[in-house]
Amino acid sequence: MSIPKDKVVVISGGTISYIRPHFALMAPAYGGIGDFFESCFEKRKNDWNDIIDIYNVKTKLAGGGEILETNEDMGQYIDQLLENHEVKCIVMAAAICDFKAESIIQTDGISEYADYKIGKEHDRLCSDEDISLHLTPNRKIVRKIKAVRPDIFLVSFKTTTSKSYPELVEECKLSQELHDSDLVFGNDLVARNNLLYYPGGRNTCYAGRYVIAEKVVDEIICHFQSGGFRV
């Protein structure tokens, strides 16, 4: 009888938060980094094939089918992963929609009125009227991973804009402490600063996020081979 292998799950793509059936907030991400992780693992298959299985999971926005579309879908999926004790590593590369609509203020040009019905099961909004939305933050799904399963090796992501390298280090430090991540993949969309942050403050800056992805794969393989970091 074969021994079940530990599972490494890479999750990528964006989620959406419905306002009405034709209208939603979204985190625009399309799964490219997940595919790159998969290709990196494939190149190193001889190093891990006997000890782990790799799963490249995409949201619907990234072409992954119907299962993962909304934040609620993602939360339920993470709960399922946490209940599966063969899952020993999660690379949380998914872009989770940070906000949800709490209410809608509409005006017909004369008066305003509030509409609190949120969700795709309700009527379409009238495009002839001005509307304002009251947004509130969505719950941070990644926070519960280590809280529920401290044994999982967690790679989380911190995306910033126009941060210097020292500022990105500080953002990754705060993210690591908040989520108890084993690695933080730092990526600035404007300054193009990229780094890999380790618990305890050690970090390394790399030229490009794909180089960091390769380093993350190195560290995951090393973790399952020896239980420690490569460097």
Protein backbone atom coordinates (compact mmCIF):
# COMPACT_ATOMS: atom_id res chain seq x y z
CA MET A 1 0.00 0.00 0.00
CA SER A 2 1.37 3.39 -0.98
CA ILE A 3 1.90 6.01 1.73
CA PRO A 4 -0.12 9.23 1.15
CA LYS A 5 2.13 12.13 0.23
CA ASP A 6 1.92 15.59 1.74
CA LYS A 7 0.03 18.09 -0.40
CA VAL A 8 1.31 21.50 -1.49
CA VAL A 9 -1.52 23.76 -2.70
CA VAL A 10 -0.76 26.88 -4.75
CA ILE A 11 -3.78 29.20 -5.02
CA SER A 12 -3.83 32.07 -7.52
CA GLY A 13 -6.21 34.41 -9.31
CA GLY A 14 -8.56 37.10 -8.05
CA THR A 15 -11.90 37.01 -6.27
CA ILE A 16 -14.98 39.20 -6.65
CA SER A 17 -17.53 40.62 -4.24
CA TYR A 18 -20.99 40.92 -5.78
CA ILE A 19 -23.03 44.09 -5.45
CA ARG A 20 -25.79 43.11 -7.90
CA PRO A 21 -25.93 40.40 -10.63
CA HIS A 22 -24.30 42.68 -13.23
CA PHE A 23 -21.98 44.58 -10.91
CA ALA A 24 -19.18 43.55 -8.54
CA LEU A 25 -15.97 44.63 -6.89
CA MET A 26 -12.95 42.58 -7.91
CA ALA A 27 -9.26 41.96 -7.28
CA PRO A 28 -7.79 41.73 -10.80
CA ALA A 29 -5.46 38.73 -10.89
CA TYR A 30 -5.44 36.02 -13.51
CA GLY A 31 -3.33 33.13 -12.26
CA GLY A 32 -0.06 33.69 -14.10
CA ILE A 33 2.03 33.38 -10.94
CA GLY A 34 0.33 30.07 -10.11
CA ASP A 35 1.25 28.67 -13.52
CA PHE A 36 4.82 29.83 -13.02
CA PHE A 37 5.01 28.10 -9.64
CA GLU A 38 3.76 24.93 -11.30
CA SER A 39 6.45 25.16 -13.99
CA CYS A 40 9.13 25.72 -11.33
CA PHE A 41 8.00 22.63 -9.43
CA GLU A 42 7.90 20.62 -12.66
CA LYS A 43 11.57 21.47 -13.36
CA ARG A 44 12.48 20.12 -9.92
CA LYS A 45 10.19 17.09 -10.01
CA ASN A 46 12.94 14.59 -9.29
CA ASP A 47 13.58 16.39 -5.98
CA TRP A 48 10.03 16.16 -4.63
CA ASN A 49 8.04 13.55 -6.57
CA ASP A 50 8.44 10.88 -3.86
CA ILE A 51 7.46 13.07 -0.93
CA ILE A 52 4.81 15.64 -2.00
CA ASP A 53 2.02 16.28 -4.49
CA ILE A 54 1.59 19.72 -6.08
CA TYR A 55 -1.83 21.27 -6.81
CA ASN A 56 -2.21 24.41 -8.93
CA VAL A 57 -5.60 25.84 -7.94
CA LYS A 58 -7.08 28.85 -9.74
CA THR A 59 -10.07 31.05 -9.10
CA LYS A 60 -12.82 31.42 -11.68
CA LEU A 61 -11.37 34.81 -12.66
CA ALA A 62 -8.15 32.99 -13.60
CA GLY A 63 -9.96 30.35 -15.64
CA GLY A 64 -10.22 27.80 -12.87
CA GLY A 65 -13.90 26.94 -13.16
CA GLU A 66 -16.93 27.68 -11.02
CA ILE A 67 -15.75 26.66 -7.56
CA LEU A 68 -13.72 29.72 -6.52
CA GLU A 69 -15.35 33.00 -7.53
CA THR A 70 -16.21 35.04 -4.46
CA ASN A 71 -14.51 35.69 -1.13
CA GLU A 72 -17.07 33.39 0.46
CA ASP A 73 -16.08 30.60 -1.94
CA MET A 74 -12.43 31.11 -1.04
CA GLY A 75 -13.16 31.06 2.68
CA GLN A 76 -15.04 27.77 2.36
CA TYR A 77 -12.27 26.27 0.24
CA ILE A 78 -9.60 27.25 2.77
CA ASP A 79 -11.72 25.65 5.52
CA GLN A 80 -11.76 22.42 3.51
CA LEU A 81 -7.99 22.52 3.09
CA LEU A 82 -7.49 23.06 6.81
CA GLU A 83 -9.62 20.01 7.58
CA ASN A 84 -7.43 17.87 5.29
CA HIS A 85 -4.36 16.91 7.29
CA GLU A 86 -2.53 15.76 4.17
CA VAL A 87 -2.33 19.46 3.20
CA LYS A 88 0.98 20.62 4.64
CA CYS A 89 1.76 23.72 2.58
CA ILE A 90 -0.35 26.56 1.17
CA VAL A 91 1.06 29.17 -1.20
CA MET A 92 -1.57 31.89 -0.86
CA ALA A 93 -0.94 33.79 -4.09
CA ALA A 94 -4.64 34.57 -4.64
CA ALA A 95 -5.68 38.24 -4.72
CA ILE A 96 -8.61 38.52 -2.34
CA CYS A 97 -11.06 41.38 -2.88
CA ASP A 98 -10.41 43.64 0.11
CA PHE A 99 -13.80 45.34 0.30
CA LYS A 100 -17.50 44.58 0.16
CA ALA A 101 -20.49 46.88 -0.33
CA GLU A 102 -22.62 47.48 2.76
CA SER A 103 -25.16 49.83 1.23
CA ILE A 104 -26.03 51.73 -1.93
CA ILE A 105 -27.09 55.36 -2.06
CA GLN A 106 -29.01 56.22 -5.21
CA THR A 107 -30.24 59.59 -6.46
CA ASP A 108 -32.73 60.39 -9.16
CA GLY A 109 -31.48 63.96 -9.40
CA ILE A 110 -34.00 65.22 -6.86
CA SER A 111 -33.64 63.06 -3.78
CA GLU A 112 -31.42 60.34 -2.36
CA TYR A 113 -32.50 57.01 -0.98
CA ALA A 114 -30.58 54.13 0.55
CA ASP A 115 -30.83 50.54 -0.66
CA TYR A 116 -29.25 47.90 1.60
CA LYS A 117 -29.89 44.89 -0.60
CA ILE A 118 -26.49 43.56 -1.64
CA GLY A 119 -25.93 40.44 -3.74
CA LYS A 120 -26.43 38.97 -7.18
CA GLU A 121 -29.88 37.64 -6.25
CA HIS A 122 -31.29 41.18 -6.21
CA ASP A 123 -32.43 43.42 -9.09
CA ARG A 124 -30.04 45.20 -11.39
CA LEU A 125 -29.23 48.80 -10.56
CA CYS A 126 -30.63 51.50 -12.80
CA SER A 127 -27.84 52.93 -14.98
CA ASP A 128 -29.76 56.20 -15.37
CA GLU A 129 -29.20 57.12 -11.72
CA ASP A 130 -26.10 58.21 -9.86
CA ILE A 131 -25.08 55.84 -7.09
CA SER A 132 -22.64 55.88 -4.18
CA LEU A 133 -21.42 52.81 -2.35
CA HIS A 134 -20.50 52.39 1.29
CA LEU A 135 -17.63 49.90 1.41
CA THR A 136 -16.32 47.97 4.40
CA PRO A 137 -13.27 45.68 4.64
CA ASN A 138 -13.66 41.98 3.98
CA ARG A 139 -12.35 39.51 6.52
CA LYS A 140 -8.71 38.53 5.90
CA ILE A 141 -8.97 34.86 4.96
CA VAL A 142 -5.23 34.17 5.17
CA ARG A 143 -5.18 35.02 8.88
CA LYS A 144 -6.98 31.85 9.90
CA ILE A 145 -4.61 29.41 8.18
CA LYS A 146 -1.90 29.24 10.85
CA ALA A 147 -4.38 29.99 13.62
CA VAL A 148 -6.19 26.74 12.80
CA ARG A 149 -3.27 24.72 11.42
CA PRO A 150 0.10 25.91 12.80
CA ASP A 151 1.73 22.87 11.16
CA ILE A 152 1.07 24.21 7.65
CA PHE A 153 4.00 25.84 5.85
CA LEU A 154 2.44 29.13 4.74
CA VAL A 155 3.70 31.37 1.97
CA SER A 156 1.79 34.65 1.97
CA PHE A 157 2.07 37.64 -0.35
CA LYS A 158 2.40 41.35 0.37
CA THR A 159 1.69 43.64 -2.58
CA THR A 160 2.46 47.35 -2.31
CA THR A 161 2.69 50.39 -4.58
CA SER A 162 5.57 52.92 -4.74
CA LYS A 163 7.33 51.61 -1.64
CA SER A 164 11.10 51.81 -1.26
CA TYR A 165 13.00 48.66 -0.41
CA PRO A 166 13.18 49.50 3.35
CA GLU A 167 9.45 50.33 3.34
CA LEU A 168 8.64 47.04 1.62
CA VAL A 169 10.72 45.18 4.21
CA GLU A 170 8.69 46.80 6.98
CA GLU A 171 5.39 45.96 5.24
CA CYS A 172 6.48 42.33 4.88
CA LYS A 173 7.56 42.22 8.52
CA LEU A 174 4.14 43.37 9.68
CA SER A 175 2.43 40.91 7.32
CA GLN A 176 4.59 38.01 8.55
CA GLU A 177 3.81 38.77 12.16
CA LEU A 178 0.09 39.19 11.50
CA HIS A 179 -0.32 35.94 9.54
CA ASP A 180 2.48 33.92 11.18
CA SER A 181 3.75 33.19 7.65
CA ASP A 182 6.80 31.01 7.07
CA LEU A 183 7.70 33.13 4.04
CA VAL A 184 6.41 36.44 2.70
CA PHE A 185 6.65 37.19 -1.00
CA GLY A 186 7.01 40.99 -1.26
CA ASN A 187 6.05 42.62 -4.55
CA ASP A 188 5.79 46.35 -5.30
CA LEU A 189 3.77 47.01 -8.43
CA VAL A 190 5.21 50.47 -9.18
CA ALA A 191 8.75 50.57 -7.79
CA ARG A 192 9.29 46.97 -8.95
CA ASN A 193 11.01 46.10 -5.69
CA ASN A 194 10.71 42.40 -4.88
CA LEU A 195 11.90 40.48 -1.86
CA LEU A 196 11.57 37.28 0.09
CA TYR A 197 11.06 37.82 3.82
CA TYR A 198 11.80 35.18 6.47
CA PRO A 199 10.64 35.07 10.11
CA GLY A 200 13.13 36.90 12.30
CA GLY A 201 13.79 39.66 9.81
CA ARG A 202 16.12 38.09 7.27
CA ASN A 203 15.21 39.15 3.75
CA THR A 204 16.70 39.12 0.29
CA CYS A 205 15.88 41.44 -2.60
CA TYR A 206 15.66 39.88 -6.06
CA ALA A 207 15.31 41.28 -9.57
CA GLY A 208 11.78 40.28 -10.47
CA ARG A 209 8.96 38.30 -8.91
CA TYR A 210 9.62 35.21 -11.01
CA VAL A 211 13.08 34.89 -9.49
CA ILE A 212 11.46 35.02 -6.06
CA ALA A 213 8.98 32.34 -7.10
CA GLU A 214 11.91 30.07 -7.95
CA LYS A 215 13.43 30.75 -4.51
CA VAL A 216 10.11 29.99 -2.83
CA VAL A 217 9.97 26.64 -4.61
CA ASP A 218 13.54 25.94 -3.44
CA GLU A 219 12.53 26.66 0.15
CA ILE A 220 9.38 24.53 -0.01
CA ILE A 221 11.30 21.55 -1.38
CA CYS A 222 14.00 22.03 1.26
CA HIS A 223 11.35 22.21 3.98
CA PHE A 224 9.90 18.84 3.00
CA GLN A 225 13.33 17.28 2.51
CA SER A 226 14.96 18.44 5.73
CA GLY A 227 12.49 20.50 7.75
CA GLY A 228 14.51 23.73 7.43
CA PHE A 229 15.33 26.62 5.14
CA ARG A 230 17.87 26.29 2.35
CA VAL A 231 19.84 29.39 3.33
